[in-house]
Amino acid sequence: MWRVTVVKDKETPSEWTFEVTVLGGTASDRIHNYDVTVEKEYYKQLTKGVIPPVSLVERSFLFLLDKESPESILESFNLSEINSHFPDYEEKMGALL
């Protein structure tokens, strides 16, 4: 079981940047840190504003962790890149709303 913590770091007129921390289920698991950018237009397209951006990032990480290990996730990326690697991403996010 993964614990995902998302904190908004910066905001510009066109995007947000979040700091994401992933910790495994046991105390001996390593902590993984990531910087994730979310374009506001992409957020609106994906969520229609139904959930907060922080929730979208958290759900996106749970999606990724279901597909790959924390070590395989890039340390810094734009959220829209997920769909390039996992074509079912946008559909899954839409289904969660």
C-alpha atoms as a PDB file:
ATOM      1  CA  MET A   1       0.000   0.000   0.000  1.00  0.00           C
ATOM      2  CA  TRP A   2       1.376   3.361  -1.028  1.00  0.00           C
ATOM      3  CA  ARG A   3       0.915   6.628   0.797  1.00  0.00           C
ATOM      4  CA  VAL A   4       0.901   9.589  -1.579  1.00  0.00           C
ATOM      5  CA  THR A   5       1.211  13.161  -0.332  1.00  0.00           C
ATOM      6  CA  VAL A   6       0.706  16.082  -2.716  1.00  0.00           C
ATOM      7  CA  VAL A   7       1.528  19.712  -1.907  1.00  0.00           C
ATOM      8  CA  LYS A   8       1.119  22.652  -4.268  1.00  0.00           C
ATOM      9  CA  ASP A   9       4.511  24.288  -4.773  1.00  0.00           C
ATOM     10  CA  LYS A  10       3.985  27.055  -7.349  1.00  0.00           C
ATOM     11  CA  GLU A  11       1.271  28.531  -9.509  1.00  0.00           C
ATOM     12  CA  THR A  12       1.468  30.578 -12.680  1.00  0.00           C
ATOM     13  CA  PRO A  13      -1.429  31.794 -14.841  1.00  0.00           C
ATOM     14  CA  SER A  14      -1.133  28.655 -16.994  1.00  0.00           C
ATOM     15  CA  GLU A  15       0.008  25.848 -14.663  1.00  0.00           C
ATOM     16  CA  TRP A  16       0.596  24.489 -11.187  1.00  0.00           C
ATOM     17  CA  THR A  17       3.648  22.683  -9.877  1.00  0.00           C
ATOM     18  CA  PHE A  18       3.238  20.090  -7.132  1.00  0.00           C
ATOM     19  CA  GLU A  19       5.668  18.305  -4.860  1.00  0.00           C
ATOM     20  CA  VAL A  20       4.674  14.658  -4.512  1.00  0.00           C
ATOM     21  CA  THR A  21       5.994  12.229  -1.897  1.00  0.00           C
ATOM     22  CA  VAL A  22       5.408   8.487  -2.119  1.00  0.00           C
ATOM     23  CA  LEU A  23       6.040   6.230   0.845  1.00  0.00           C
ATOM     24  CA  GLY A  24       5.505   2.470   0.954  1.00  0.00           C
ATOM     25  CA  GLY A  25       3.541   0.563   3.543  1.00  0.00           C
ATOM     26  CA  THR A  26       6.441  -0.254   5.871  1.00  0.00           C
ATOM     27  CA  ALA A  27       8.764   2.020   7.821  1.00  0.00           C
ATOM     28  CA  SER A  28      11.806   0.608   6.036  1.00  0.00           C
ATOM     29  CA  ASP A  29      10.540   1.660   2.592  1.00  0.00           C
ATOM     30  CA  ARG A  30      12.344   4.452   0.849  1.00  0.00           C
ATOM     31  CA  ILE A  31      10.706   7.836   0.356  1.00  0.00           C
ATOM     32  CA  HIS A  32      10.341   8.925  -3.278  1.00  0.00           C
ATOM     33  CA  ASN A  33       9.967  12.587  -4.253  1.00  0.00           C
ATOM     34  CA  TYR A  34       8.660  14.031  -7.499  1.00  0.00           C
ATOM     35  CA  ASP A  35       7.941  17.402  -9.104  1.00  0.00           C
ATOM     36  CA  VAL A  36       4.822  17.387 -11.264  1.00  0.00           C
ATOM     37  CA  THR A  37       3.527  20.148 -13.504  1.00  0.00           C
ATOM     38  CA  VAL A  38      -0.162  20.361 -14.374  1.00  0.00           C
ATOM     39  CA  GLU A  39      -1.302  22.693 -17.124  1.00  0.00           C
ATOM     40  CA  LYS A  40      -4.558  24.351 -16.133  1.00  0.00           C
ATOM     41  CA  GLU A  41      -6.159  23.678 -19.548  1.00  0.00           C
ATOM     42  CA  TYR A  42      -5.298  19.980 -19.307  1.00  0.00           C
ATOM     43  CA  TYR A  43      -6.725  19.862 -15.772  1.00  0.00           C
ATOM     44  CA  LYS A  44     -10.008  21.405 -17.011  1.00  0.00           C
ATOM     45  CA  GLN A  45     -10.141  19.021 -19.966  1.00  0.00           C
ATOM     46  CA  LEU A  46      -9.587  15.990 -17.749  1.00  0.00           C
ATOM     47  CA  THR A  47     -11.715  16.890 -14.710  1.00  0.00           C
ATOM     48  CA  LYS A  48     -14.163  19.607 -15.822  1.00  0.00           C
ATOM     49  CA  GLY A  49     -13.165  21.184 -12.475  1.00  0.00           C
ATOM     50  CA  VAL A  50     -15.061  18.515 -10.510  1.00  0.00           C
ATOM     51  CA  ILE A  51     -12.107  17.644  -8.246  1.00  0.00           C
ATOM     52  CA  PRO A  52      -9.272  19.853  -6.968  1.00  0.00           C
ATOM     53  CA  PRO A  53      -5.940  19.729  -8.839  1.00  0.00           C
ATOM     54  CA  VAL A  54      -4.277  18.166  -5.781  1.00  0.00           C
ATOM     55  CA  SER A  55      -6.734  15.258  -5.939  1.00  0.00           C
ATOM     56  CA  LEU A  56      -6.053  14.757  -9.647  1.00  0.00           C
ATOM     57  CA  VAL A  57      -2.314  14.513  -8.984  1.00  0.00           C
ATOM     58  CA  GLU A  58      -2.861  12.078  -6.091  1.00  0.00           C
ATOM     59  CA  ARG A  59      -5.164   9.863  -8.184  1.00  0.00           C
ATOM     60  CA  SER A  60      -2.696  10.031 -11.057  1.00  0.00           C
ATOM     61  CA  PHE A  61       0.083   8.746  -8.824  1.00  0.00           C
ATOM     62  CA  LEU A  62      -2.075   5.911  -7.531  1.00  0.00           C
ATOM     63  CA  PHE A  63      -2.742   5.049 -11.180  1.00  0.00           C
ATOM     64  CA  LEU A  64       1.001   5.085 -11.947  1.00  0.00           C
ATOM     65  CA  LEU A  65       1.880   3.022  -8.867  1.00  0.00           C
ATOM     66  CA  ASP A  66      -0.619   0.433 -10.014  1.00  0.00           C
ATOM     67  CA  LYS A  67       1.355   0.161 -13.268  1.00  0.00           C
ATOM     68  CA  GLU A  68       4.994   0.528 -12.163  1.00  0.00           C
ATOM     69  CA  SER A  69       7.332   0.873  -9.207  1.00  0.00           C
ATOM     70  CA  PRO A  70       8.177   4.278  -7.689  1.00  0.00           C
ATOM     71  CA  GLU A  71      11.724   3.909  -9.034  1.00  0.00           C
ATOM     72  CA  SER A  72      10.357   3.748 -12.591  1.00  0.00           C
ATOM     73  CA  ILE A  73       8.437   7.022 -12.311  1.00  0.00           C
ATOM     74  CA  LEU A  74      10.289  10.087 -13.584  1.00  0.00           C
ATOM     75  CA  GLU A  75      11.329  12.493 -10.832  1.00  0.00           C
ATOM     76  CA  SER A  76       9.970  15.456 -12.765  1.00  0.00           C
ATOM     77  CA  PHE A  77       7.270  15.444 -15.447  1.00  0.00           C
ATOM     78  CA  ASN A  78       4.167  17.077 -16.837  1.00  0.00           C
ATOM     79  CA  LEU A  79       0.966  15.221 -15.930  1.00  0.00           C
ATOM     80  CA  SER A  80      -0.152  15.174 -19.575  1.00  0.00           C
ATOM     81  CA  GLU A  81       2.829  12.906 -20.380  1.00  0.00           C
ATOM     82  CA  ILE A  82       1.226   9.974 -18.532  1.00  0.00           C
ATOM     83  CA  ASN A  83      -1.224   9.333 -21.357  1.00  0.00           C
ATOM     84  CA  SER A  84       1.688   8.939 -23.812  1.00  0.00           C
ATOM     85  CA  HIS A  85       2.969   5.989 -21.799  1.00  0.00           C
ATOM     86  CA  PHE A  86      -0.375   4.626 -20.607  1.00  0.00           C
ATOM     87  CA  PRO A  87      -3.153   5.278 -23.168  1.00  0.00           C
ATOM     88  CA  ASP A  88      -5.860   4.296 -20.675  1.00  0.00           C
ATOM     89  CA  TYR A  89      -4.860   7.069 -18.234  1.00  0.00           C
ATOM     90  CA  GLU A  90      -7.317   9.745 -19.351  1.00  0.00           C
ATOM     91  CA  GLU A  91     -10.174   7.246 -19.523  1.00  0.00           C
ATOM     92  CA  LYS A  92      -9.393   5.976 -15.995  1.00  0.00           C
ATOM     93  CA  MET A  93      -9.207   9.508 -14.593  1.00  0.00           C
ATOM     94  CA  GLY A  94     -12.522  10.374 -16.224  1.00  0.00           C
ATOM     95  CA  ALA A  95     -14.125   7.267 -14.758  1.00  0.00           C
ATOM     96  CA  LEU A  96     -13.096   8.313 -11.241  1.00  0.00           C
ATOM     97  CA  LEU A  97     -15.100  11.542 -11.412  1.00  0.00           C
END
